[in-house]
Amino acid sequence: MTEKKARKEGFAHLLSPIEIKGVEIRNRIALAPMNTLMSLDNRGYVNEQILAYYAARAKGGCGLIITECVLGTRLASRFPYTSNLHLYDLSHFPGLAELAETIHAFGSVAFIQMSIGFGRQGHSHTGERPPAPSVVPMMVSPEYLPRGFGKVLEKYPQAAERALGAMPYEMTVDEIRREQDEFANSCRFAMGAQFDGIELHAPHGYLEHQFLSPLTNKRTDLYGGSLQNRMRFLVETYLKVREAVGFDYILGVRLSADEHLPGGFTHEEALEVGRTLAGLGADYIHLSDGSYEALKYFFPDEDGTMLEEAANFKKATNLPVICPSIHDPYLAEEAIAKGKCDIVSLGRQMFADPEWGNKVAEGRVEEIRRCKRCNECLMRTVVGLPVRCIQNPNTGREKYMPEYWRPPVKSKPVTKMRVPPRLPELRSFD
């Protein structure tokens, strides 16, 4: 047996296929959703750079591509990170269909991450106050920041102002339900765009997370107080989306495994939310950790920090679990082999080397361009700039590279396309 073949066979679990609700993913490697700011203008439309960015990671060996968070309501779109993709009306639909087709053309399964909003973590371009469960402002303590942020804030203290959102306002019950209805309608567009599945975005301090956390949810109505009430917003949103797309379509949820803040959303509570979602028919759990106020857990400085939490979710839910931030392929193989998770998702590492999957499969692990976890990519987005990588000068310029242009593909007849049980409504939900 050659050395290269021996190395390849050493990743038998990582390179094995997995099936979720009839959709086969060719390996256990996923591109993690990352806000890249490549949409540039916050009008929410797909562009050539976005198509090429995802094509590079699909061509590079990711069996599963999960898109960056796509804002699914008009209200959510008014409070982006800086610039996000949108999907709430027919004008956004063709570009996202082109994205799904491009990902498929390079051999990967395509999931779209749909977000009902950033809540108090969003930033208005017109000075509006963002919607949230309660009137609780963001507070970021230096001890919760990941590598590199301290030096940036020391040199540019004004950057802290950019990171913090405006004082939020408390959403009314009527507003909550309008948002849920519009969001569920938008998920019909996502299904019709031929994505293989939808991932509901409820982790690291976004709006659903804000309802889950006692730190940010001070309500005294049916959406606040007990965990049962605090998870109501997420459960209702899940159920409305499930009704919109049907039970034969993949619908997963991303959750923070623990908020890691005193008085915050705990790991035990997260496991209970996971069990509840599993009982309601969720198809997988994709973990995150921390929040924008506990970024060092969201963007850890070491490999495998969420693996034990992932193993707990496997036991609690009996669902496929996706675990992020495992850059070392040997650790990824071990984690899957031991049943701690089913898929690994890579974010920053895929900025550094989109060929990670191919290099593992071809026995070229020593050629992987390793992410330094310097967080330069993240710090750029904090000040409003598109992602770049100090390890990979091609990150952000994939559109100029012909190998990432979509190849000719045979178009699927409309009669064989997957459509939602009911077509999306084309009206305003305001």
Protein backbone atom coordinates (compact mmCIF):
# COMPACT_ATOMS: atom_id res chain seq x y z
CA MET A 1 0.00 0.00 0.00
CA THR A 2 1.40 3.40 -0.95
CA GLU A 3 1.92 6.05 1.70
CA LYS A 4 -0.62 8.33 -0.01
CA LYS A 5 -3.29 5.60 -0.09
CA ALA A 6 -2.60 4.74 3.55
CA ARG A 7 -3.09 8.38 4.53
CA LYS A 8 -6.34 8.57 2.58
CA GLU A 9 -7.68 5.41 4.19
CA GLY A 10 -6.84 6.93 7.55
CA PHE A 11 -9.84 9.23 7.05
CA ALA A 12 -12.43 6.56 6.32
CA HIS A 13 -15.06 8.12 8.60
CA LEU A 14 -14.47 11.73 7.57
CA LEU A 15 -14.68 10.80 3.89
CA SER A 16 -17.69 8.48 4.18
CA PRO A 17 -21.09 9.61 2.87
CA ILE A 18 -24.00 10.47 5.13
CA GLU A 19 -27.69 10.64 4.26
CA ILE A 20 -30.16 13.08 5.76
CA LYS A 21 -33.79 12.56 4.79
CA GLY A 22 -32.92 10.95 1.46
CA VAL A 23 -30.22 13.48 0.52
CA GLU A 24 -26.75 11.93 0.32
CA ILE A 25 -23.78 14.11 1.26
CA ARG A 26 -20.57 12.68 -0.23
CA ASN A 27 -18.43 13.23 2.88
CA ARG A 28 -18.61 14.66 6.40
CA ILE A 29 -17.01 18.01 5.51
CA ALA A 30 -19.16 21.16 5.49
CA LEU A 31 -18.49 24.80 4.77
CA ALA A 32 -19.64 26.66 7.87
CA PRO A 33 -21.89 29.70 7.37
CA MET A 34 -19.81 32.88 7.59
CA ASN A 35 -20.81 36.52 7.11
CA THR A 36 -18.38 37.48 4.34
CA LEU A 37 -19.77 40.94 3.46
CA MET A 38 -19.23 40.04 -0.20
CA SER A 39 -22.77 41.21 -1.00
CA LEU A 40 -21.17 44.68 -0.79
CA ASP A 41 -24.24 46.91 -0.91
CA ASN A 42 -26.86 45.43 1.46
CA ARG A 43 -29.44 45.26 -1.29
CA GLY A 44 -29.36 41.53 -0.62
CA TYR A 45 -28.60 40.15 -4.07
CA VAL A 46 -26.20 37.42 -5.12
CA ASN A 47 -23.25 38.60 -7.23
CA GLU A 48 -20.45 36.92 -9.20
CA GLN A 49 -18.03 37.00 -6.27
CA ILE A 50 -20.51 35.23 -4.00
CA LEU A 51 -21.10 32.53 -6.64
CA ALA A 52 -17.36 31.99 -7.07
CA TYR A 53 -16.65 31.99 -3.32
CA TYR A 54 -19.07 29.10 -2.76
CA ALA A 55 -17.95 27.35 -5.96
CA ALA A 56 -14.37 27.30 -4.68
CA ARG A 57 -15.36 25.52 -1.47
CA ALA A 58 -17.64 23.05 -3.28
CA LYS A 59 -14.93 22.30 -5.85
CA GLY A 60 -12.42 22.09 -3.00
CA GLY A 61 -14.05 19.04 -1.47
CA CYS A 62 -16.86 20.13 0.85
CA GLY A 63 -19.66 17.60 0.65
CA LEU A 64 -22.04 20.15 2.17
CA ILE A 65 -22.17 23.90 1.61
CA ILE A 66 -24.17 25.94 4.13
CA THR A 67 -24.66 29.52 3.02
CA GLU A 68 -24.05 32.60 5.11
CA CYS A 69 -27.12 33.79 6.98
CA VAL A 70 -29.79 35.07 4.60
CA LEU A 71 -32.17 37.61 6.12
CA GLY A 72 -35.72 36.42 5.63
CA THR A 73 -37.90 39.45 6.43
CA ARG A 74 -38.05 43.11 5.46
CA LEU A 75 -37.59 44.13 9.09
CA ALA A 76 -34.54 41.86 9.48
CA SER A 77 -32.99 43.32 6.33
CA ARG A 78 -33.03 46.81 7.87
CA PHE A 79 -30.66 45.66 10.61
CA PRO A 80 -27.85 43.67 8.95
CA TYR A 81 -24.35 42.87 10.15
CA THR A 82 -23.19 45.35 7.54
CA SER A 83 -24.26 43.72 4.30
CA ASN A 84 -26.16 40.44 4.03
CA LEU A 85 -28.02 38.42 1.45
CA HIS A 86 -31.81 38.78 1.59
CA LEU A 87 -34.70 36.52 0.70
CA TYR A 88 -38.17 37.89 1.29
CA ASP A 89 -39.51 38.71 -2.17
CA LEU A 90 -39.40 37.39 -5.71
CA SER A 91 -36.54 39.68 -6.76
CA HIS A 92 -34.08 37.81 -4.49
CA PHE A 93 -35.20 34.42 -5.76
CA PRO A 94 -33.31 34.09 -9.11
CA GLY A 95 -29.89 34.91 -7.64
CA LEU A 96 -30.24 32.37 -4.87
CA ALA A 97 -31.46 29.78 -7.37
CA GLU A 98 -28.29 30.49 -9.36
CA LEU A 99 -26.26 29.97 -6.18
CA ALA A 100 -27.87 26.60 -5.46
CA GLU A 101 -27.30 25.53 -9.08
CA THR A 102 -23.65 26.58 -8.92
CA ILE A 103 -23.02 24.64 -5.70
CA HIS A 104 -24.69 21.57 -7.22
CA ALA A 105 -22.63 21.93 -10.41
CA PHE A 106 -19.47 21.43 -8.35
CA GLY A 107 -20.83 18.31 -6.67
CA SER A 108 -21.94 19.57 -3.26
CA VAL A 109 -25.23 19.53 -1.38
CA ALA A 110 -26.56 23.03 -0.72
CA PHE A 111 -28.28 24.14 2.48
CA ILE A 112 -29.39 27.74 2.93
CA GLN A 113 -29.16 29.30 6.36
CA MET A 114 -32.27 31.43 6.89
CA SER A 115 -32.28 34.10 9.59
CA ILE A 116 -35.21 35.93 11.11
CA GLY A 117 -32.81 38.67 12.13
CA PHE A 118 -29.88 39.93 14.16
CA GLY A 119 -32.11 41.56 16.75
CA ARG A 120 -30.11 43.95 18.92
CA GLN A 121 -26.89 42.80 17.19
CA GLY A 122 -28.01 44.38 13.92
CA HIS A 123 -26.91 47.76 12.64
CA SER A 124 -29.27 50.19 10.98
CA HIS A 125 -27.91 52.29 8.14
CA THR A 126 -30.52 54.96 8.92
CA GLY A 127 -30.29 55.18 12.72
CA GLU A 128 -33.33 53.03 13.55
CA ARG A 129 -33.55 51.12 16.82
CA PRO A 130 -33.40 47.35 16.26
CA PRO A 131 -36.12 44.92 17.37
CA ALA A 132 -35.41 42.60 20.31
CA PRO A 133 -37.23 40.61 23.01
CA SER A 134 -36.47 43.33 25.58
CA VAL A 135 -34.78 46.70 25.92
CA VAL A 136 -31.32 45.38 26.80
CA PRO A 137 -28.27 46.99 25.16
CA MET A 138 -25.19 45.07 24.04
CA MET A 139 -22.21 45.01 26.38
CA VAL A 140 -18.87 43.44 25.40
CA SER A 141 -16.20 42.78 28.04
CA PRO A 142 -12.55 42.48 26.91
CA GLU A 143 -12.09 39.10 28.63
CA TYR A 144 -14.65 37.56 26.26
CA LEU A 145 -12.89 38.67 23.07
CA PRO A 146 -10.92 36.24 20.86
CA ARG A 147 -7.31 36.51 19.80
CA GLY A 148 -6.25 39.78 18.20
CA PHE A 149 -9.23 41.91 19.22
CA GLY A 150 -7.56 43.45 22.26
CA LYS A 151 -4.72 44.93 20.21
CA VAL A 152 -7.15 46.32 17.65
CA LEU A 153 -9.30 47.98 20.30
CA GLU A 154 -6.19 49.34 22.01
CA LYS A 155 -5.07 51.01 18.79
CA TYR A 156 -8.56 51.90 17.49
CA PRO A 157 -10.89 52.32 20.52
CA GLN A 158 -13.54 53.76 18.21
CA ALA A 159 -13.99 50.25 16.76
CA ALA A 160 -15.89 49.30 19.92
CA GLU A 161 -18.62 51.77 18.97
CA ARG A 162 -19.04 50.02 15.63
CA ALA A 163 -19.39 46.63 17.32
CA LEU A 164 -22.21 47.73 19.60
CA GLY A 165 -25.69 48.23 18.21
CA ALA A 166 -28.19 50.93 19.12
CA MET A 167 -30.53 50.55 22.08
CA PRO A 168 -33.20 48.05 20.92
CA TYR A 169 -36.94 48.28 21.34
CA GLU A 170 -39.20 45.50 22.64
CA MET A 171 -41.16 43.65 19.97
CA THR A 172 -44.91 43.38 20.44
CA VAL A 173 -46.67 40.02 20.22
CA ASP A 174 -48.38 41.11 16.98
CA GLU A 175 -45.01 42.08 15.50
CA ILE A 176 -43.48 38.75 16.55
CA ARG A 177 -46.21 36.82 14.76
CA ARG A 178 -46.03 38.96 11.62
CA GLU A 179 -42.29 38.33 11.47
CA GLN A 180 -42.77 34.60 11.89
CA ASP A 181 -45.40 34.49 9.13
CA GLU A 182 -43.25 36.47 6.70
CA PHE A 183 -40.21 34.35 7.54
CA ALA A 184 -42.07 31.09 6.92
CA ASN A 185 -43.23 32.48 3.58
CA SER A 186 -39.63 33.37 2.70
CA CYS A 187 -38.55 29.81 3.43
CA ARG A 188 -40.88 28.70 0.63
CA PHE A 189 -38.75 30.81 -1.71
CA ALA A 190 -35.64 29.05 -0.38
CA MET A 191 -37.13 25.63 -1.08
CA GLY A 192 -38.23 26.73 -4.55
CA ALA A 193 -34.71 27.97 -5.28
CA GLN A 194 -33.71 24.26 -5.16
CA PHE A 195 -31.66 24.28 -1.99
CA ASP A 196 -31.54 20.78 -0.54
CA GLY A 197 -32.37 21.97 2.96
CA ILE A 198 -32.88 24.94 5.23
CA GLU A 199 -30.96 25.71 8.41
CA LEU A 200 -32.79 27.96 10.87
CA HIS A 201 -30.31 30.41 12.34
CA ALA A 202 -30.76 30.61 16.11
CA PRO A 203 -27.24 30.76 17.64
CA HIS A 204 -24.65 33.18 19.04
CA GLY A 205 -26.87 36.04 20.09
CA TYR A 206 -29.15 36.45 17.06
CA LEU A 207 -32.87 37.13 17.56
CA GLU A 208 -33.97 33.58 18.45
CA HIS A 209 -31.02 33.30 20.84
CA GLN A 210 -32.02 36.61 22.44
CA PHE A 211 -35.43 35.13 23.22
CA LEU A 212 -33.77 32.00 24.67
CA SER A 213 -31.38 33.87 26.95
CA PRO A 214 -32.48 35.25 30.35
CA LEU A 215 -29.82 37.94 29.90
CA THR A 216 -31.63 39.46 26.93
CA ASN A 217 -35.20 38.29 27.51
CA LYS A 218 -36.81 40.16 30.41
CA ARG A 219 -40.37 39.76 29.17
CA THR A 220 -43.23 38.91 31.51
CA ASP A 221 -45.65 37.67 28.83
CA LEU A 222 -45.90 34.25 27.14
CA TYR A 223 -42.45 34.74 25.53
CA GLY A 224 -40.52 35.35 28.76
CA GLY A 225 -39.71 33.84 32.13
CA SER A 226 -39.49 30.03 32.12
CA LEU A 227 -37.42 28.15 29.55
CA GLN A 228 -40.68 26.86 28.07
CA ASN A 229 -41.72 30.45 27.43
CA ARG A 230 -38.29 31.63 26.31
CA MET A 231 -38.09 28.87 23.68
CA ARG A 232 -41.61 29.65 22.43
CA PHE A 233 -40.40 32.11 19.78
CA LEU A 234 -38.00 29.56 18.28
CA VAL A 235 -40.48 26.68 18.51
CA GLU A 236 -43.27 28.70 16.88
CA THR A 237 -40.90 29.85 14.13
CA TYR A 238 -39.76 26.28 13.52
CA LEU A 239 -43.35 25.00 13.35
CA LYS A 240 -44.45 27.71 10.92
CA VAL A 241 -41.48 27.01 8.66
CA ARG A 242 -42.09 23.25 8.89
CA GLU A 243 -45.67 23.78 7.79
CA ALA A 244 -44.48 25.99 4.94
CA VAL A 245 -41.95 23.49 3.52
CA GLY A 246 -43.49 20.17 4.52
CA PHE A 247 -42.17 17.23 6.55
CA ASP A 248 -40.33 15.56 3.67
CA TYR A 249 -37.90 18.49 3.32
CA ILE A 250 -34.69 18.92 5.36
CA LEU A 251 -35.07 21.49 8.13
CA GLY A 252 -32.26 21.80 10.66
CA VAL A 253 -31.46 24.30 13.41
CA ARG A 254 -28.23 25.97 14.48
CA LEU A 255 -27.94 26.63 18.22
CA SER A 256 -25.30 27.87 20.62
CA ALA A 257 -24.45 24.98 22.95
CA ASP A 258 -23.89 27.42 25.83
CA GLU A 259 -23.88 31.20 26.12
CA HIS A 260 -20.90 31.08 28.53
CA LEU A 261 -22.00 34.26 30.30
CA PRO A 262 -23.04 34.55 33.97
CA GLY A 263 -26.82 34.32 34.15
CA GLY A 264 -27.08 33.41 30.46
CA PHE A 265 -28.49 30.55 28.39
CA THR A 266 -26.90 27.36 29.74
CA HIS A 267 -25.77 24.12 28.16
CA GLU A 268 -28.47 22.20 30.03
CA GLU A 269 -31.12 24.57 28.68
CA ALA A 270 -29.69 24.24 25.18
CA LEU A 271 -29.95 20.45 25.42
CA GLU A 272 -33.61 20.78 26.44
CA VAL A 273 -34.27 23.03 23.44
CA GLY A 274 -32.53 20.45 21.24
CA ARG A 275 -34.70 17.65 22.64
CA THR A 276 -37.82 19.72 22.01
CA LEU A 277 -36.86 20.43 18.40
CA ALA A 278 -35.98 16.78 17.81
CA GLY A 279 -39.40 15.79 19.11
CA LEU A 280 -40.99 18.20 16.62
CA GLY A 281 -39.17 16.65 13.67
CA ALA A 282 -36.01 18.73 13.21
CA ASP A 283 -33.58 16.90 10.94
CA TYR A 284 -30.22 17.91 12.42
CA ILE A 285 -28.53 20.24 14.90
CA HIS A 286 -25.62 22.47 13.92
CA LEU A 287 -23.77 23.77 16.94
CA SER A 288 -22.17 27.10 17.68
CA ASP A 289 -21.14 28.56 21.01
CA GLY A 290 -21.15 31.82 22.91
CA SER A 291 -22.51 34.98 21.32
CA TYR A 292 -21.31 38.32 20.00
CA GLU A 293 -20.78 39.22 23.66
CA ALA A 294 -18.75 36.03 24.22
CA LEU A 295 -16.86 35.89 20.94
CA LYS A 296 -13.97 33.82 22.24
CA TYR A 297 -16.36 30.85 22.44
CA PHE A 298 -17.93 31.63 19.07
CA PHE A 299 -14.44 31.90 17.48
CA PRO A 300 -12.27 29.65 19.66
CA ASP A 301 -8.49 29.82 19.62
CA GLU A 302 -8.12 26.03 19.80
CA ASP A 303 -9.44 22.98 17.94
CA GLY A 304 -12.36 20.90 19.12
CA THR A 305 -13.62 23.13 21.92
CA MET A 306 -17.25 22.19 21.17
CA LEU A 307 -16.78 18.45 20.79
CA GLU A 308 -17.98 17.42 24.25
CA GLU A 309 -21.02 19.65 23.85
CA ALA A 310 -21.64 18.03 20.46
CA ALA A 311 -21.46 14.57 22.04
CA ASN A 312 -24.06 15.66 24.61
CA PHE A 313 -26.38 16.83 21.84
CA LYS A 314 -25.96 13.50 20.06
CA LYS A 315 -27.09 11.68 23.20
CA ALA A 316 -29.90 14.12 23.99
CA THR A 317 -31.46 14.38 20.53
CA ASN A 318 -30.44 11.28 18.57
CA LEU A 319 -30.08 13.59 15.56
CA PRO A 320 -27.14 14.16 13.21
CA VAL A 321 -24.95 16.83 14.81
CA ILE A 322 -22.64 19.20 12.94
CA CYS A 323 -19.70 20.47 15.00
CA PRO A 324 -17.70 23.55 13.92
CA SER A 325 -14.12 24.70 14.39
CA ILE A 326 -12.16 21.46 14.01
CA HIS A 327 -9.33 22.44 11.68
CA ASP A 328 -7.16 19.37 12.18
CA PRO A 329 -8.37 16.55 9.89
CA TYR A 330 -7.01 13.89 12.27
CA LEU A 331 -9.12 15.28 15.12
CA ALA A 332 -12.13 15.52 12.77
CA GLU A 333 -11.70 11.86 11.83
CA GLU A 334 -11.42 10.84 15.48
CA ALA A 335 -14.50 12.86 16.47
CA ILE A 336 -16.67 11.20 13.82
CA ALA A 337 -15.21 7.75 14.46
CA LYS A 338 -16.03 8.06 18.18
CA GLY A 339 -19.56 9.28 17.47
CA LYS A 340 -19.13 12.72 19.01
CA CYS A 341 -20.49 14.39 15.87
CA ASP A 342 -21.53 13.40 12.35
CA ILE A 343 -20.20 16.29 10.24
CA VAL A 344 -17.51 18.92 10.85
CA SER A 345 -18.06 22.47 9.61
CA LEU A 346 -15.13 24.71 8.76
CA GLY A 347 -15.30 28.50 8.56
CA ARG A 348 -12.03 30.37 9.01
CA GLN A 349 -10.08 27.32 7.81
CA MET A 350 -11.99 27.45 4.53
CA PHE A 351 -10.93 31.07 4.03
CA ALA A 352 -7.32 29.90 4.43
CA ASP A 353 -7.62 26.83 2.19
CA PRO A 354 -10.77 25.98 0.23
CA GLU A 355 -8.99 22.79 -0.96
CA TRP A 356 -8.93 21.32 2.58
CA GLY A 357 -11.32 18.50 1.66
CA ASN A 358 -9.51 17.54 -1.54
CA LYS A 359 -6.14 17.54 0.20
CA VAL A 360 -7.47 15.22 2.89
CA ALA A 361 -9.05 12.90 0.31
CA GLU A 362 -5.88 12.84 -1.81
CA GLY A 363 -3.50 12.15 1.06
CA ARG A 364 -1.98 15.64 0.95
CA VAL A 365 -2.70 16.71 4.53
CA GLU A 366 0.78 18.20 4.92
CA GLU A 367 -0.05 20.61 2.06
CA ILE A 368 -3.05 22.15 3.83
CA ARG A 369 -2.63 25.88 4.32
CA ARG A 370 -3.46 26.12 8.00
CA CYS A 371 -5.62 28.85 9.50
CA LYS A 372 -3.63 30.76 12.14
CA ARG A 373 -6.80 31.73 14.05
CA CYS A 374 -5.50 35.29 13.92
CA ASN A 375 -9.07 36.53 13.30
CA GLU A 376 -8.00 39.13 10.74
CA CYS A 377 -10.95 37.91 8.60
CA LEU A 378 -13.39 38.58 11.44
CA MET A 379 -11.85 41.89 12.48
CA ARG A 380 -12.24 43.19 8.93
CA THR A 381 -15.96 42.49 9.02
CA VAL A 382 -16.31 44.21 12.41
CA VAL A 383 -15.17 47.46 10.81
CA GLY A 384 -17.41 46.84 7.78
CA LEU A 385 -14.96 45.38 5.23
CA PRO A 386 -15.34 42.18 3.18
CA VAL A 387 -13.45 39.10 4.30
CA ARG A 388 -9.80 38.65 3.38
CA CYS A 389 -7.26 36.09 4.64
CA ILE A 390 -3.59 36.79 5.38
CA GLN A 391 -2.88 33.12 4.55
CA ASN A 392 -4.74 33.05 1.24
CA PRO A 393 -4.57 36.06 -1.10
CA ASN A 394 -7.26 34.54 -3.35
CA THR A 395 -10.00 34.83 -0.70
CA GLY A 396 -12.27 37.57 -2.00
CA ARG A 397 -11.09 37.41 -5.61
CA GLU A 398 -12.46 34.01 -6.62
CA LYS A 399 -14.63 35.63 -9.29
CA TYR A 400 -11.50 36.34 -11.35
CA MET A 401 -10.45 32.67 -11.33
CA PRO A 402 -11.95 30.65 -14.25
CA GLU A 403 -11.76 27.35 -12.36
CA TYR A 404 -14.58 28.62 -10.15
CA TRP A 405 -16.92 29.68 -12.94
CA ARG A 406 -19.99 27.46 -13.16
CA PRO A 407 -19.51 24.74 -15.79
CA PRO A 408 -22.27 23.85 -18.26
CA VAL A 409 -24.95 21.81 -16.54
CA LYS A 410 -28.04 20.11 -17.88
CA SER A 411 -31.06 22.02 -16.69
CA LYS A 412 -33.59 20.10 -14.63
CA PRO A 413 -37.12 20.18 -16.11
CA VAL A 414 -39.47 22.35 -14.10
CA THR A 415 -41.75 19.35 -13.62
CA LYS A 416 -38.94 17.61 -11.71
CA MET A 417 -38.03 20.54 -9.50
CA ARG A 418 -38.91 20.55 -5.83
CA VAL A 419 -41.53 23.13 -4.91
CA PRO A 420 -43.10 23.93 -1.55
CA PRO A 421 -46.56 22.60 -0.66
CA ARG A 422 -47.89 26.09 -1.36
CA LEU A 423 -46.18 28.72 -3.50
CA PRO A 424 -44.82 31.82 -1.71
CA GLU A 425 -47.13 34.75 -1.31
CA LEU A 426 -45.99 37.87 -3.15
CA ARG A 427 -47.57 40.37 -0.77
CA SER A 428 -46.12 42.56 1.93
CA PHE A 429 -46.46 41.29 5.49
CA ASP A 430 -46.21 44.78 7.01
